[in-house]
Amino acid sequence: MSRYDAIVFDFDGVLVESVDVKTRAFAALYACHGPEIVAQVVAFHLANGGLSRFEKFRYFHNKLLGLPLTREEENKLAAEFNARVESTVVEAPWVDGAEEFLIKHHTDIPLFVASGTPEEELKRILQKRQISHYFRAAFGSPTKKGDILRDILKSGGYSPERMLMVGDSLLDMEGANEAGICFLGRSVLPDSIFPPDVAVLPDMSGLQGFIRDGNLHKSLVIHER
């Protein structure tokens, strides 16, 4: 029996191993500005998982390059980025345990996706992977994570303590905190980016046990908490 009445997943890095795909795409888009800018672009991208690509483009241009970014230029960057990543994300491997969890639980627990990917692109990816039926709904940018989670909470009539967000970024955690719901982190790093009091899994193979009793087997915890 689940401790939660609804579970919301981030997509990249939580359900599928697609973070590197987008990292390479950002690096390629800014390669013409030299290796130092590319290094800063990659660092910012990795530190701000869940932030929309449009917000990242604006940061890269305004803060790193000191250049204005017109709507036309932004749309051109977005189109090139999409061309580099969408088909690859469709084919990206599952995070261990994710597919099995969705297959087993989508009929007894309402499942949702809340991603920083543009919403229409996210829905196309789910359709192409033939997994849309696992989710009650999927939401993406430009809506912020906190707003998405509050909307799910309100529309479903869920109790905050009975709704879980699973994410791999601080923005995911902050969105869960804004909505007042529970949060579970995913990280493969030896030193988790999350605060010490946040439960963390290295993949989704331990998720079933966590939603059942809240306990993380020690072999699944990134570091002692």
Protein backbone atom coordinates (compact mmCIF):
# COMPACT_ATOMS: atom_id res chain seq x y z
CA MET A 1 0.00 0.00 0.00
CA SER A 2 1.33 3.43 -0.94
CA ARG A 3 1.97 6.24 1.52
CA TYR A 4 1.06 8.64 -1.31
CA ASP A 5 -2.14 9.37 -3.23
CA ALA A 6 -0.30 10.97 -6.16
CA ILE A 7 3.28 11.02 -7.46
CA VAL A 8 4.75 13.67 -9.74
CA PHE A 9 7.95 12.96 -11.67
CA ASP A 10 10.42 15.26 -13.31
CA PHE A 11 11.32 13.72 -16.67
CA ASP A 12 14.96 14.16 -17.68
CA GLY A 13 17.25 12.47 -15.20
CA VAL A 14 14.39 10.94 -13.21
CA LEU A 15 12.51 8.76 -15.67
CA VAL A 16 14.98 8.73 -18.57
CA GLU A 17 18.75 9.21 -18.75
CA SER A 18 18.60 12.28 -20.96
CA VAL A 19 20.45 14.98 -19.02
CA ASP A 20 23.69 14.41 -20.97
CA VAL A 21 21.80 14.78 -24.26
CA LYS A 22 20.78 18.31 -23.33
CA THR A 23 24.18 19.14 -21.86
CA ARG A 24 25.82 18.32 -25.20
CA ALA A 25 23.22 20.37 -27.07
CA PHE A 26 23.83 23.49 -24.97
CA ALA A 27 27.59 23.05 -25.35
CA ALA A 28 27.27 22.76 -29.14
CA LEU A 29 25.09 25.88 -29.40
CA TYR A 30 27.68 28.01 -27.58
CA ALA A 31 30.86 26.37 -28.93
CA CYS A 32 31.47 29.34 -31.23
CA HIS A 33 32.06 31.52 -28.14
CA GLY A 34 35.04 29.49 -26.95
CA PRO A 35 35.76 26.83 -24.32
CA GLU A 36 35.52 29.15 -21.29
CA ILE A 37 31.95 30.14 -22.18
CA VAL A 38 31.05 26.53 -22.96
CA ALA A 39 32.33 25.47 -19.53
CA GLN A 40 30.17 28.14 -17.86
CA VAL A 41 27.15 27.19 -19.97
CA VAL A 42 27.49 23.53 -19.01
CA ALA A 43 28.03 24.35 -15.32
CA PHE A 44 24.95 26.57 -15.20
CA HIS A 45 22.83 24.01 -17.03
CA LEU A 46 23.82 21.21 -14.67
CA ALA A 47 23.29 23.39 -11.59
CA ASN A 48 19.84 24.47 -12.75
CA GLY A 49 18.08 21.33 -13.87
CA GLY A 50 14.37 21.97 -14.30
CA LEU A 51 14.89 25.57 -15.48
CA SER A 52 13.42 26.11 -18.95
CA ARG A 53 15.82 26.31 -21.88
CA PHE A 54 14.50 29.80 -22.70
CA GLU A 55 15.50 31.10 -19.28
CA LYS A 56 18.92 29.48 -19.77
CA PHE A 57 19.35 31.10 -23.20
CA ARG A 58 18.57 34.50 -21.67
CA TYR A 59 21.05 33.94 -18.85
CA PHE A 60 23.80 32.79 -21.23
CA HIS A 61 23.38 35.80 -23.48
CA ASN A 62 22.67 38.51 -20.92
CA LYS A 63 25.00 37.38 -18.11
CA LEU A 64 27.76 35.35 -19.74
CA LEU A 65 28.05 37.06 -23.13
CA GLY A 66 26.73 40.49 -22.18
CA LEU A 67 24.54 40.48 -25.28
CA PRO A 68 20.84 41.16 -25.79
CA LEU A 69 18.73 38.26 -27.00
CA THR A 70 15.93 39.08 -29.42
CA ARG A 71 12.80 36.97 -29.68
CA GLU A 72 13.89 35.91 -33.17
CA GLU A 73 17.31 34.78 -31.92
CA GLU A 74 15.73 32.99 -28.98
CA ASN A 75 13.34 31.10 -31.24
CA LYS A 76 16.21 30.16 -33.56
CA LEU A 77 18.22 28.79 -30.63
CA ALA A 78 15.20 26.86 -29.38
CA ALA A 79 14.57 25.33 -32.81
CA GLU A 80 18.19 24.23 -33.15
CA PHE A 81 18.21 22.88 -29.61
CA ASN A 82 15.02 20.91 -30.27
CA ALA A 83 16.44 19.51 -33.50
CA ARG A 84 19.46 18.24 -31.56
CA VAL A 85 17.64 16.67 -28.62
CA GLU A 86 14.05 15.54 -29.23
CA SER A 87 14.68 12.37 -31.24
CA THR A 88 17.60 11.44 -28.95
CA VAL A 89 15.48 11.87 -25.81
CA VAL A 90 12.80 9.67 -27.37
CA GLU A 91 15.42 6.93 -27.67
CA ALA A 92 17.19 7.60 -24.36
CA PRO A 93 17.42 4.67 -21.91
CA TRP A 94 15.21 4.47 -18.87
CA VAL A 95 16.54 5.31 -15.44
CA ASP A 96 16.85 1.93 -13.75
CA GLY A 97 13.55 0.88 -12.23
CA ALA A 98 11.48 3.69 -13.77
CA GLU A 99 9.70 1.74 -16.49
CA GLU A 100 8.95 -1.14 -14.14
CA PHE A 101 7.47 1.26 -11.58
CA LEU A 102 5.23 2.95 -14.14
CA ILE A 103 3.97 -0.36 -15.51
CA LYS A 104 3.20 -1.71 -12.06
CA HIS A 105 1.66 1.35 -10.44
CA HIS A 106 0.02 3.55 -13.09
CA THR A 107 -3.35 1.89 -12.56
CA ASP A 108 -3.42 2.24 -8.75
CA ILE A 109 -1.59 5.55 -8.10
CA PRO A 110 -2.25 8.76 -10.07
CA LEU A 111 1.06 9.61 -11.77
CA PHE A 112 2.03 12.96 -13.32
CA VAL A 113 4.99 14.57 -15.08
CA ALA A 114 6.22 18.09 -14.29
CA SER A 115 9.17 19.07 -16.47
CA GLY A 116 11.16 22.11 -17.55
CA THR A 117 10.81 20.92 -21.15
CA PRO A 118 8.34 22.96 -23.23
CA GLU A 119 4.96 21.33 -22.69
CA GLU A 120 4.11 20.49 -26.30
CA GLU A 121 7.56 18.96 -26.85
CA LEU A 122 7.21 16.97 -23.63
CA LYS A 123 3.87 15.56 -24.76
CA ARG A 124 5.31 14.61 -28.16
CA ILE A 125 8.18 12.78 -26.45
CA LEU A 126 5.77 10.85 -24.20
CA GLN A 127 3.66 9.92 -27.22
CA LYS A 128 6.65 8.82 -29.29
CA ARG A 129 7.92 6.71 -26.40
CA GLN A 130 4.37 5.32 -26.12
CA ILE A 131 4.14 6.06 -22.42
CA SER A 132 1.51 8.82 -22.27
CA HIS A 133 -1.03 6.34 -20.88
CA TYR A 134 1.00 5.95 -17.69
CA PHE A 135 0.24 9.54 -16.62
CA ARG A 136 -2.93 11.38 -15.65
CA ALA A 137 -1.35 14.53 -17.12
CA ALA A 138 2.01 15.96 -18.17
CA PHE A 139 3.04 19.59 -17.68
CA GLY A 140 6.03 21.58 -18.89
CA SER A 141 7.39 25.08 -19.30
CA PRO A 142 6.69 27.93 -19.33
CA THR A 143 4.66 27.12 -16.19
CA LYS A 144 6.89 26.98 -13.11
CA LYS A 145 7.23 23.77 -11.11
CA GLY A 146 5.67 25.22 -7.97
CA ASP A 147 2.63 26.40 -9.92
CA ILE A 148 2.27 23.04 -11.66
CA LEU A 149 2.40 21.19 -8.35
CA ARG A 150 -0.10 23.53 -6.71
CA ASP A 151 -2.48 23.05 -9.63
CA ILE A 152 -2.19 19.24 -9.41
CA LEU A 153 -2.71 19.40 -5.66
CA LYS A 154 -5.81 21.57 -5.99
CA SER A 155 -7.41 19.88 -9.00
CA GLY A 156 -6.92 16.40 -7.54
CA GLY A 157 -7.97 17.36 -4.04
CA TYR A 158 -4.87 15.68 -2.62
CA SER A 159 -3.51 16.28 0.88
CA PRO A 160 -0.02 17.84 0.67
CA GLU A 161 1.45 15.16 2.95
CA ARG A 162 0.07 12.49 0.60
CA MET A 163 1.57 13.87 -2.62
CA LEU A 164 5.18 13.23 -3.65
CA MET A 165 7.46 15.00 -6.12
CA VAL A 166 10.45 13.01 -7.43
CA GLY A 167 13.15 15.22 -8.93
CA ASP A 168 16.85 15.55 -9.59
CA SER A 169 17.35 19.29 -9.13
CA LEU A 170 17.12 21.95 -6.48
CA LEU A 171 14.39 23.62 -8.56
CA ASP A 172 12.33 20.43 -8.26
CA MET A 173 12.82 20.47 -4.50
CA GLU A 174 12.00 24.17 -4.26
CA GLY A 175 8.84 23.65 -6.32
CA ALA A 176 7.76 20.87 -3.95
CA ASN A 177 8.47 23.13 -0.97
CA GLU A 178 6.44 25.95 -2.52
CA ALA A 179 3.49 23.58 -2.94
CA GLY A 180 4.00 22.15 0.56
CA ILE A 181 4.28 18.56 -0.68
CA CYS A 182 6.78 15.76 -0.03
CA PHE A 183 9.99 15.45 -2.04
CA LEU A 184 12.34 12.61 -2.98
CA GLY A 185 15.61 13.37 -4.76
CA ARG A 186 17.44 11.41 -7.42
CA SER A 187 21.23 11.79 -7.62
CA VAL A 188 24.08 9.60 -8.77
CA LEU A 189 26.74 11.90 -7.34
CA PRO A 190 28.83 10.89 -4.30
CA ASP A 191 27.94 14.26 -2.75
CA SER A 192 24.26 14.94 -3.24
CA ILE A 193 23.20 18.48 -4.12
CA PHE A 194 20.27 18.12 -1.73
CA PRO A 195 20.21 19.06 1.97
CA PRO A 196 21.12 16.26 4.39
CA ASP A 197 17.51 15.80 5.52
CA VAL A 198 16.27 15.00 2.00
CA ALA A 199 15.90 11.32 1.07
CA VAL A 200 17.81 10.49 -2.12
CA LEU A 201 17.83 7.50 -4.47
CA PRO A 202 20.45 6.80 -7.17
CA ASP A 203 17.72 5.44 -9.48
CA MET A 204 14.07 4.39 -9.36
CA SER A 205 14.63 0.75 -8.39
CA GLY A 206 14.10 1.66 -4.72
CA LEU A 207 11.02 3.81 -5.28
CA GLN A 208 8.48 1.08 -4.62
CA GLY A 209 9.93 0.39 -1.17
CA PHE A 210 10.06 4.09 -0.39
CA ILE A 211 6.41 4.76 -1.21
CA ARG A 212 5.40 1.69 0.77
CA ASP A 213 7.18 2.35 4.04
CA GLY A 214 9.38 5.43 3.61
CA ASN A 215 12.54 3.47 4.26
CA LEU A 216 15.57 3.56 1.99
CA HIS A 217 17.74 0.46 1.96
CA LYS A 218 21.28 1.59 2.84
CA SER A 219 22.63 0.31 -0.47
CA LEU A 220 20.33 2.78 -2.22
CA VAL A 221 21.22 5.86 -0.23
CA ILE A 222 23.84 8.20 -1.66
CA HIS A 223 25.21 8.98 1.78
CA GLU A 224 24.16 8.38 5.36
CA ARG A 225 21.47 10.78 6.51
